[in-house]
Amino acid sequence: MNTTTTIRISRRTKGVLDTLKKDPKESYDLLISRLATSNQKKEPASDERSIGSKMDREEPGKKQRKPPEMIPR
């Protein structure tokens, strides 16, 4: 029996997911499954996961600081 659940994502994340769709009619379920399957082999380092999570938690419209290594000198 297939069951469904609801998840909450930011509009920014939804926008990113929309750009990753192969077809406008592709479901988010299929898209997320495809991304999860393709990334199983390329597991990010723990510090990369924490950066992404931190960015998702920040308030919309709030200026984000660039990491020091990304600031041109």
C-alpha atoms as a PDB file:
ATOM      1  CA  MET A   1       0.000   0.000   0.000  1.00  0.00           C
ATOM      2  CA  ASN A   2       1.458   3.370  -1.020  1.00  0.00           C
ATOM      3  CA  THR A   3       1.164   6.095   1.549  1.00  0.00           C
ATOM      4  CA  THR A   4       2.034   9.747   1.251  1.00  0.00           C
ATOM      5  CA  THR A   5       3.204  12.400   3.654  1.00  0.00           C
ATOM      6  CA  THR A   6       3.561  16.152   3.568  1.00  0.00           C
ATOM      7  CA  ILE A   7       6.907  17.882   3.942  1.00  0.00           C
ATOM      8  CA  ARG A   8       7.584  21.564   4.465  1.00  0.00           C
ATOM      9  CA  ILE A   9      10.259  23.224   2.320  1.00  0.00           C
ATOM     10  CA  SER A  10      11.171  26.853   1.764  1.00  0.00           C
ATOM     11  CA  ARG A  11      10.194  28.627  -1.452  1.00  0.00           C
ATOM     12  CA  ARG A  12      13.887  28.896  -2.246  1.00  0.00           C
ATOM     13  CA  THR A  13      14.290  25.111  -2.001  1.00  0.00           C
ATOM     14  CA  LYS A  14      11.178  24.584  -4.121  1.00  0.00           C
ATOM     15  CA  GLY A  15      12.674  26.910  -6.739  1.00  0.00           C
ATOM     16  CA  VAL A  16      15.879  24.878  -6.785  1.00  0.00           C
ATOM     17  CA  LEU A  17      13.910  21.642  -7.105  1.00  0.00           C
ATOM     18  CA  ASP A  18      11.911  23.134  -9.986  1.00  0.00           C
ATOM     19  CA  THR A  19      15.142  23.856 -11.880  1.00  0.00           C
ATOM     20  CA  LEU A  20      16.274  20.244 -11.385  1.00  0.00           C
ATOM     21  CA  LYS A  21      13.161  18.706 -12.903  1.00  0.00           C
ATOM     22  CA  LYS A  22      13.783  16.923 -16.204  1.00  0.00           C
ATOM     23  CA  ASP A  23      10.214  17.696 -17.262  1.00  0.00           C
ATOM     24  CA  PRO A  24       7.788  20.290 -15.842  1.00  0.00           C
ATOM     25  CA  LYS A  25       5.311  17.478 -15.131  1.00  0.00           C
ATOM     26  CA  GLU A  26       7.852  15.381 -13.183  1.00  0.00           C
ATOM     27  CA  SER A  27       6.551  14.854  -9.636  1.00  0.00           C
ATOM     28  CA  TYR A  28       8.554  16.036  -6.649  1.00  0.00           C
ATOM     29  CA  ASP A  29       8.464  12.453  -5.357  1.00  0.00           C
ATOM     30  CA  LEU A  30      10.144  11.166  -8.509  1.00  0.00           C
ATOM     31  CA  LEU A  31      12.609  14.080  -8.547  1.00  0.00           C
ATOM     32  CA  ILE A  32      13.655  13.592  -4.919  1.00  0.00           C
ATOM     33  CA  SER A  33      13.954   9.821  -5.409  1.00  0.00           C
ATOM     34  CA  ARG A  34      16.122  10.388  -8.484  1.00  0.00           C
ATOM     35  CA  LEU A  35      18.363  12.859  -6.626  1.00  0.00           C
ATOM     36  CA  ALA A  36      18.677  10.609  -3.578  1.00  0.00           C
ATOM     37  CA  THR A  37      19.555   7.598  -5.710  1.00  0.00           C
ATOM     38  CA  SER A  38      22.132   9.482  -7.785  1.00  0.00           C
ATOM     39  CA  ASN A  39      23.763  10.985  -4.675  1.00  0.00           C
ATOM     40  CA  GLN A  40      24.125   7.762  -2.716  1.00  0.00           C
ATOM     41  CA  LYS A  41      27.510   7.238  -4.351  1.00  0.00           C
ATOM     42  CA  LYS A  42      28.560  10.867  -3.792  1.00  0.00           C
ATOM     43  CA  GLU A  43      27.848  11.318  -0.064  1.00  0.00           C
ATOM     44  CA  PRO A  44      28.896  14.881   0.933  1.00  0.00           C
ATOM     45  CA  ALA A  45      31.290  15.492   3.780  1.00  0.00           C
ATOM     46  CA  SER A  46      29.628  16.307   7.094  1.00  0.00           C
ATOM     47  CA  ASP A  47      30.710  19.970   6.931  1.00  0.00           C
ATOM     48  CA  GLU A  48      29.025  20.358   3.523  1.00  0.00           C
ATOM     49  CA  ARG A  49      25.766  19.018   4.971  1.00  0.00           C
ATOM     50  CA  SER A  50      25.875  21.486   7.848  1.00  0.00           C
ATOM     51  CA  ILE A  51      26.440  24.442   5.490  1.00  0.00           C
ATOM     52  CA  GLY A  52      23.391  23.499   3.421  1.00  0.00           C
ATOM     53  CA  SER A  53      21.265  22.975   6.507  1.00  0.00           C
ATOM     54  CA  LYS A  54      22.333  26.309   7.972  1.00  0.00           C
ATOM     55  CA  MET A  55      21.485  28.144   4.738  1.00  0.00           C
ATOM     56  CA  ASP A  56      18.026  26.544   4.674  1.00  0.00           C
ATOM     57  CA  ARG A  57      17.356  27.671   8.260  1.00  0.00           C
ATOM     58  CA  GLU A  58      18.189  31.335   7.607  1.00  0.00           C
ATOM     59  CA  GLU A  59      15.356  33.759   7.276  1.00  0.00           C
ATOM     60  CA  PRO A  60      14.260  34.735   3.748  1.00  0.00           C
ATOM     61  CA  GLY A  61      15.417  38.205   2.780  1.00  0.00           C
ATOM     62  CA  LYS A  62      18.223  38.130   5.332  1.00  0.00           C
ATOM     63  CA  LYS A  63      21.618  38.861   3.803  1.00  0.00           C
ATOM     64  CA  GLN A  64      23.855  35.838   3.786  1.00  0.00           C
ATOM     65  CA  ARG A  65      27.552  36.231   4.445  1.00  0.00           C
ATOM     66  CA  LYS A  66      29.981  34.642   2.071  1.00  0.00           C
ATOM     67  CA  PRO A  67      32.496  32.224   3.574  1.00  0.00           C
ATOM     68  CA  PRO A  68      35.963  33.854   3.830  1.00  0.00           C
ATOM     69  CA  GLU A  69      37.364  31.645   1.052  1.00  0.00           C
ATOM     70  CA  MET A  70      34.762  33.056  -1.384  1.00  0.00           C
ATOM     71  CA  ILE A  71      35.608  36.729  -0.789  1.00  0.00           C
ATOM     72  CA  PRO A  72      37.860  38.108  -3.570  1.00  0.00           C
ATOM     73  CA  ARG A  73      41.130  39.665  -2.441  1.00  0.00           C
END
